[in-house]
Amino acid sequence: MKAIYLLALIPVIAILGGPFWANSIEPYILGMPLFFFWNFSWLIFTALIAFIIYKLDPANKGSEE
């Protein structure tokens, strides 16, 4: 397995482990409780990490036009 694919573990750990840390209502961030903001932000970060993996994967170098 390529080391670049290990980046995909970051969102998995953050989404599965984060609710134990962010399980509170009180700090509101952008009008959302911390738990909802945590999940929403990792939705965005997961897409960014997937894009980074796609760009750095050498298997995708030949398919660019």
PDB file of N, CA and C in Angstrom:
ATOM      1  N   MET A   1       0.847  -1.168   0.000  1.00  0.00           N
ATOM      2  CA  MET A   1       0.000   0.000   0.000  1.00  0.00           C
ATOM      3  C   MET A   1       0.897   1.236   0.000  1.00  0.00           C
ATOM      4  N   LYS A   2       0.480   2.223  -0.750  1.00  0.00           N
ATOM      5  CA  LYS A   2       1.248   3.460  -0.827  1.00  0.00           C
ATOM      6  C   LYS A   2       1.019   4.291   0.427  1.00  0.00           C
ATOM      7  N   ALA A   3       2.078   4.981   0.836  1.00  0.00           N
ATOM      8  CA  ALA A   3       1.998   5.779   2.058  1.00  0.00           C
ATOM      9  C   ALA A   3       1.013   6.937   1.929  1.00  0.00           C
ATOM     10  N   ILE A   4       0.789   7.406   0.712  1.00  0.00           N
ATOM     11  CA  ILE A   4      -0.116   8.536   0.513  1.00  0.00           C
ATOM     12  C   ILE A   4      -1.554   8.168   0.900  1.00  0.00           C
ATOM     13  N   TYR A   5      -1.883   6.873   0.800  1.00  0.00           N
ATOM     14  CA  TYR A   5      -3.235   6.445   1.152  1.00  0.00           C
ATOM     15  C   TYR A   5      -3.487   6.491   2.656  1.00  0.00           C
ATOM     16  N   LEU A   6      -2.428   6.575   3.442  1.00  0.00           N
ATOM     17  CA  LEU A   6      -2.599   6.688   4.888  1.00  0.00           C
ATOM     18  C   LEU A   6      -3.222   8.024   5.283  1.00  0.00           C
ATOM     19  N   LEU A   7      -3.168   9.008   4.377  1.00  0.00           N
ATOM     20  CA  LEU A   7      -3.849  10.275   4.642  1.00  0.00           C
ATOM     21  C   LEU A   7      -5.356  10.073   4.805  1.00  0.00           C
ATOM     22  N   ALA A   8      -5.884   9.036   4.192  1.00  0.00           N
ATOM     23  CA  ALA A   8      -7.316   8.769   4.275  1.00  0.00           C
ATOM     24  C   ALA A   8      -7.740   8.344   5.676  1.00  0.00           C
ATOM     25  N   LEU A   9      -6.803   7.967   6.516  1.00  0.00           N
ATOM     26  CA  LEU A   9      -7.144   7.592   7.886  1.00  0.00           C
ATOM     27  C   LEU A   9      -7.441   8.802   8.764  1.00  0.00           C
ATOM     28  N   ILE A  10      -6.939   9.962   8.383  1.00  0.00           N
ATOM     29  CA  ILE A  10      -7.140  11.160   9.201  1.00  0.00           C
ATOM     30  C   ILE A  10      -8.629  11.494   9.356  1.00  0.00           C
ATOM     31  N   PRO A  11      -9.410  11.573   8.265  1.00  0.00           N
ATOM     32  CA  PRO A  11     -10.839  11.864   8.456  1.00  0.00           C
ATOM     33  C   PRO A  11     -11.592  10.765   9.204  1.00  0.00           C
ATOM     34  N   VAL A  12     -11.195   9.518   8.999  1.00  0.00           N
ATOM     35  CA  VAL A  12     -11.874   8.417   9.688  1.00  0.00           C
ATOM     36  C   VAL A  12     -11.679   8.546  11.192  1.00  0.00           C
ATOM     37  N   ILE A  13     -10.442   8.800  11.593  1.00  0.00           N
ATOM     38  CA  ILE A  13     -10.155   8.944  13.021  1.00  0.00           C
ATOM     39  C   ILE A  13     -10.859  10.178  13.582  1.00  0.00           C
ATOM     40  N   ALA A  14     -10.856  11.270  12.823  1.00  0.00           N
ATOM     41  CA  ALA A  14     -11.474  12.507  13.309  1.00  0.00           C
ATOM     42  C   ALA A  14     -12.992  12.379  13.421  1.00  0.00           C
ATOM     43  N   ILE A  15     -13.617  11.720  12.460  1.00  0.00           N
ATOM     44  CA  ILE A  15     -15.075  11.603  12.486  1.00  0.00           C
ATOM     45  C   ILE A  15     -15.529  10.594  13.545  1.00  0.00           C
ATOM     46  N   LEU A  16     -14.789   9.503  13.697  1.00  0.00           N
ATOM     47  CA  LEU A  16     -15.187   8.499  14.683  1.00  0.00           C
ATOM     48  C   LEU A  16     -14.762   8.867  16.102  1.00  0.00           C
ATOM     49  N   GLY A  17     -13.624   9.532  16.252  1.00  0.00           N
ATOM     50  CA  GLY A  17     -13.131   9.869  17.572  1.00  0.00           C
ATOM     51  C   GLY A  17     -13.526  11.250  18.046  1.00  0.00           C
ATOM     52  N   GLY A  18     -13.847  12.125  17.136  1.00  0.00           N
ATOM     53  CA  GLY A  18     -14.174  13.498  17.474  1.00  0.00           C
ATOM     54  C   GLY A  18     -15.406  13.688  18.330  1.00  0.00           C
ATOM     55  N   PRO A  19     -16.469  12.948  18.087  1.00  0.00           N
ATOM     56  CA  PRO A  19     -17.665  13.161  18.918  1.00  0.00           C
ATOM     57  C   PRO A  19     -17.448  12.925  20.405  1.00  0.00           C
ATOM     58  N   PHE A  20     -16.493  12.099  20.769  1.00  0.00           N
ATOM     59  CA  PHE A  20     -16.204  11.914  22.196  1.00  0.00           C
ATOM     60  C   PHE A  20     -15.615  13.187  22.792  1.00  0.00           C
ATOM     61  N   TRP A  21     -14.866  13.914  21.983  1.00  0.00           N
ATOM     62  CA  TRP A  21     -14.272  15.169  22.441  1.00  0.00           C
ATOM     63  C   TRP A  21     -15.230  16.348  22.259  1.00  0.00           C
ATOM     64  N   ALA A  22     -15.965  16.349  21.163  1.00  0.00           N
ATOM     65  CA  ALA A  22     -16.809  17.491  20.817  1.00  0.00           C
ATOM     66  C   ALA A  22     -18.259  17.301  21.235  1.00  0.00           C
ATOM     67  N   ASN A  23     -18.526  16.433  22.162  1.00  0.00           N
ATOM     68  CA  ASN A  23     -19.895  16.151  22.568  1.00  0.00           C
ATOM     69  C   ASN A  23     -20.364  17.171  23.599  1.00  0.00           C
ATOM     70  N   SER A  24     -20.573  18.383  23.122  1.00  0.00           N
ATOM     71  CA  SER A  24     -21.111  19.420  23.990  1.00  0.00           C
ATOM     72  C   SER A  24     -21.938  20.382  23.139  1.00  0.00           C
ATOM     73  N   ILE A  25     -22.853  21.051  23.792  1.00  0.00           N
ATOM     74  CA  ILE A  25     -23.730  21.972  23.083  1.00  0.00           C
ATOM     75  C   ILE A  25     -23.231  23.403  23.216  1.00  0.00           C
ATOM     76  N   GLU A  26     -22.609  23.713  24.319  1.00  0.00           N
ATOM     77  CA  GLU A  26     -22.416  25.103  24.685  1.00  0.00           C
ATOM     78  C   GLU A  26     -21.539  25.949  23.762  1.00  0.00           C
ATOM     79  N   PRO A  27     -20.340  25.578  23.379  1.00  0.00           N
ATOM     80  CA  PRO A  27     -19.653  26.516  22.496  1.00  0.00           C
ATOM     81  C   PRO A  27     -20.300  26.506  21.102  1.00  0.00           C
ATOM     82  N   TYR A  28     -20.891  27.617  20.741  1.00  0.00           N
ATOM     83  CA  TYR A  28     -21.487  27.759  19.418  1.00  0.00           C
ATOM     84  C   TYR A  28     -20.458  28.344  18.469  1.00  0.00           C
ATOM     85  N   ILE A  29     -20.293  27.695  17.333  1.00  0.00           N
ATOM     86  CA  ILE A  29     -19.366  28.171  16.307  1.00  0.00           C
ATOM     87  C   ILE A  29     -20.174  28.340  15.025  1.00  0.00           C
ATOM     88  N   LEU A  30     -20.206  29.550  14.507  1.00  0.00           N
ATOM     89  CA  LEU A  30     -21.000  29.890  13.320  1.00  0.00           C
ATOM     90  C   LEU A  30     -22.468  29.511  13.498  1.00  0.00           C
ATOM     91  N   GLY A  31     -22.970  29.652  14.706  1.00  0.00           N
ATOM     92  CA  GLY A  31     -24.370  29.378  14.995  1.00  0.00           C
ATOM     93  C   GLY A  31     -24.707  27.917  15.191  1.00  0.00           C
ATOM     94  N   MET A  32     -23.718  27.045  15.179  1.00  0.00           N
ATOM     95  CA  MET A  32     -23.952  25.611  15.349  1.00  0.00           C
ATOM     96  C   MET A  32     -23.304  25.148  16.645  1.00  0.00           C
ATOM     97  N   PRO A  33     -23.907  24.162  17.296  1.00  0.00           N
ATOM     98  CA  PRO A  33     -23.214  23.557  18.436  1.00  0.00           C
ATOM     99  C   PRO A  33     -21.910  22.910  17.966  1.00  0.00           C
ATOM    100  N   LEU A  34     -20.999  22.723  18.901  1.00  0.00           N
ATOM    101  CA  LEU A  34     -19.671  22.209  18.560  1.00  0.00           C
ATOM    102  C   LEU A  34     -19.739  20.874  17.841  1.00  0.00           C
ATOM    103  N   PHE A  35     -20.620  19.988  18.255  1.00  0.00           N
ATOM    104  CA  PHE A  35     -20.729  18.665  17.627  1.00  0.00           C
ATOM    105  C   PHE A  35     -21.088  18.774  16.147  1.00  0.00           C
ATOM    106  N   PHE A  36     -22.080  19.610  15.815  1.00  0.00           N
ATOM    107  CA  PHE A  36     -22.492  19.771  14.421  1.00  0.00           C
ATOM    108  C   PHE A  36     -21.416  20.471  13.597  1.00  0.00           C
ATOM    109  N   PHE A  37     -20.777  21.463  14.199  1.00  0.00           N
ATOM    110  CA  PHE A  37     -19.699  22.140  13.491  1.00  0.00           C
ATOM    111  C   PHE A  37     -18.545  21.190  13.219  1.00  0.00           C
ATOM    112  N   TRP A  38     -18.221  20.320  14.173  1.00  0.00           N
ATOM    113  CA  TRP A  38     -17.145  19.337  14.005  1.00  0.00           C
ATOM    114  C   TRP A  38     -17.444  18.428  12.811  1.00  0.00           C
ATOM    115  N   ASN A  39     -18.656  17.898  12.748  1.00  0.00           N
ATOM    116  CA  ASN A  39     -19.025  17.002  11.647  1.00  0.00           C
ATOM    117  C   ASN A  39     -19.046  17.733  10.312  1.00  0.00           C
ATOM    118  N   PHE A  40     -19.577  18.922  10.286  1.00  0.00           N
ATOM    119  CA  PHE A  40     -19.641  19.682   9.041  1.00  0.00           C
ATOM    120  C   PHE A  40     -18.248  20.053   8.552  1.00  0.00           C
ATOM    121  N   SER A  41     -17.364  20.470   9.456  1.00  0.00           N
ATOM    122  CA  SER A  41     -16.018  20.853   9.036  1.00  0.00           C
ATOM    123  C   SER A  41     -15.241  19.645   8.516  1.00  0.00           C
ATOM    124  N   TRP A  42     -15.443  18.474   9.118  1.00  0.00           N
ATOM    125  CA  TRP A  42     -14.735  17.297   8.613  1.00  0.00           C
ATOM    126  C   TRP A  42     -15.321  16.794   7.302  1.00  0.00           C
ATOM    127  N   LEU A  43     -16.524  17.152   6.990  1.00  0.00           N
ATOM    128  CA  LEU A  43     -17.054  16.871   5.662  1.00  0.00           C
ATOM    129  C   LEU A  43     -16.243  17.623   4.613  1.00  0.00           C
ATOM    130  N   ILE A  44     -15.948  18.889   4.877  1.00  0.00           N
ATOM    131  CA  ILE A  44     -15.137  19.708   3.969  1.00  0.00           C
ATOM    132  C   ILE A  44     -13.702  19.204   3.934  1.00  0.00           C
ATOM    133  N   PHE A  45     -13.115  18.927   5.116  1.00  0.00           N
ATOM    134  CA  PHE A  45     -11.726  18.465   5.176  1.00  0.00           C
ATOM    135  C   PHE A  45     -11.548  17.119   4.482  1.00  0.00           C
ATOM    136  N   THR A  46     -12.546  16.246   4.558  1.00  0.00           N
ATOM    137  CA  THR A  46     -12.464  14.951   3.897  1.00  0.00           C
ATOM    138  C   THR A  46     -12.392  15.113   2.387  1.00  0.00           C
ATOM    139  N   ALA A  47     -13.175  16.027   1.848  1.00  0.00           N
ATOM    140  CA  ALA A  47     -13.115  16.289   0.408  1.00  0.00           C
ATOM    141  C   ALA A  47     -11.743  16.860   0.015  1.00  0.00           C
ATOM    142  N   LEU A  48     -11.200  17.741   0.834  1.00  0.00           N
ATOM    143  CA  LEU A  48      -9.872  18.301   0.541  1.00  0.00           C
ATOM    144  C   LEU A  48      -8.785  17.237   0.610  1.00  0.00           C
ATOM    145  N   ILE A  49      -8.860  16.361   1.577  1.00  0.00           N
ATOM    146  CA  ILE A  49      -7.863  15.299   1.696  1.00  0.00           C
ATOM    147  C   ILE A  49      -7.982  14.318   0.530  1.00  0.00           C
ATOM    148  N   ALA A  50      -9.196  14.016   0.101  1.00  0.00           N
ATOM    149  CA  ALA A  50      -9.382  13.145  -1.064  1.00  0.00           C
ATOM    150  C   ALA A  50      -8.799  13.790  -2.317  1.00  0.00           C
ATOM    151  N   PHE A  51      -8.951  15.094  -2.461  1.00  0.00           N
ATOM    152  CA  PHE A  51      -8.369  15.802  -3.602  1.00  0.00           C
ATOM    153  C   PHE A  51      -6.841  15.762  -3.542  1.00  0.00           C
ATOM    154  N   ILE A  52      -6.275  15.931  -2.355  1.00  0.00           N
ATOM    155  CA  ILE A  52      -4.817  15.868  -2.201  1.00  0.00           C
ATOM    156  C   ILE A  52      -4.304  14.477  -2.542  1.00  0.00           C
ATOM    157  N   ILE A  53      -4.994  13.440  -2.094  1.00  0.00           N
ATOM    158  CA  ILE A  53      -4.588  12.074  -2.425  1.00  0.00           C
ATOM    159  C   ILE A  53      -4.662  11.852  -3.925  1.00  0.00           C
ATOM    160  N   TYR A  54      -5.695  12.344  -4.557  1.00  0.00           N
ATOM    161  CA  TYR A  54      -5.840  12.200  -6.003  1.00  0.00           C
ATOM    162  C   TYR A  54      -4.694  12.878  -6.751  1.00  0.00           C
ATOM    163  N   LYS A  55      -4.333  14.093  -6.328  1.00  0.00           N
ATOM    164  CA  LYS A  55      -3.279  14.828  -7.019  1.00  0.00           C
ATOM    165  C   LYS A  55      -1.898  14.216  -6.780  1.00  0.00           C
ATOM    166  N   LEU A  56      -1.656  13.640  -5.614  1.00  0.00           N
ATOM    167  CA  LEU A  56      -0.344  13.103  -5.305  1.00  0.00           C
ATOM    168  C   LEU A  56      -0.160  11.650  -5.730  1.00  0.00           C
ATOM    169  N   ASP A  57      -1.219  10.983  -6.105  1.00  0.00           N
ATOM    170  CA  ASP A  57      -1.118   9.585  -6.504  1.00  0.00           C
ATOM    171  C   ASP A  57      -0.480   9.479  -7.893  1.00  0.00           C
ATOM    172  N   PRO A  58       0.620   8.758  -8.018  1.00  0.00           N
ATOM    173  CA  PRO A  58       1.280   8.660  -9.314  1.00  0.00           C
ATOM    174  C   PRO A  58       0.454   7.920 -10.362  1.00  0.00           C
ATOM    175  N   ALA A  59      -0.521   7.127  -9.953  1.00  0.00           N
ATOM    176  CA  ALA A  59      -1.354   6.417 -10.917  1.00  0.00           C
ATOM    177  C   ALA A  59      -2.234   7.372 -11.723  1.00  0.00           C
ATOM    178  N   ASN A  60      -2.455   8.564 -11.240  1.00  0.00           N
ATOM    179  CA  ASN A  60      -3.316   9.521 -11.932  1.00  0.00           C
ATOM    180  C   ASN A  60      -2.526  10.456 -12.842  1.00  0.00           C
ATOM    181  N   LYS A  61      -1.236  10.338 -12.910  1.00  0.00           N
ATOM    182  CA  LYS A  61      -0.414  11.236 -13.723  1.00  0.00           C
ATOM    183  C   LYS A  61      -0.660  11.037 -15.213  1.00  0.00           C
ATOM    184  N   GLY A  62      -0.917   9.818 -15.649  1.00  0.00           N
ATOM    185  CA  GLY A  62      -1.083   9.556 -17.075  1.00  0.00           C
ATOM    186  C   GLY A  62      -2.449   9.910 -17.615  1.00  0.00           C
ATOM    187  N   SER A  63      -3.436  10.105 -16.754  1.00  0.00           N
ATOM    188  CA  SER A  63      -4.789  10.335 -17.222  1.00  0.00           C
ATOM    189  C   SER A  63      -5.110  11.811 -17.463  1.00  0.00           C
ATOM    190  N   GLU A  64      -4.164  12.702 -17.169  1.00  0.00           N
ATOM    191  CA  GLU A  64      -4.421  14.128 -17.386  1.00  0.00           C
ATOM    192  C   GLU A  64      -4.319  14.466 -18.866  1.00  0.00           C
ATOM    193  N   GLU A  65      -5.187  15.347 -19.327  1.00  0.00           N
ATOM    194  CA  GLU A  65      -5.179  15.710 -20.745  1.00  0.00           C
ATOM    195  C   GLU A  65      -4.599  17.074 -20.952  1.00  0.00           C
TER     196      GLU A  65
END
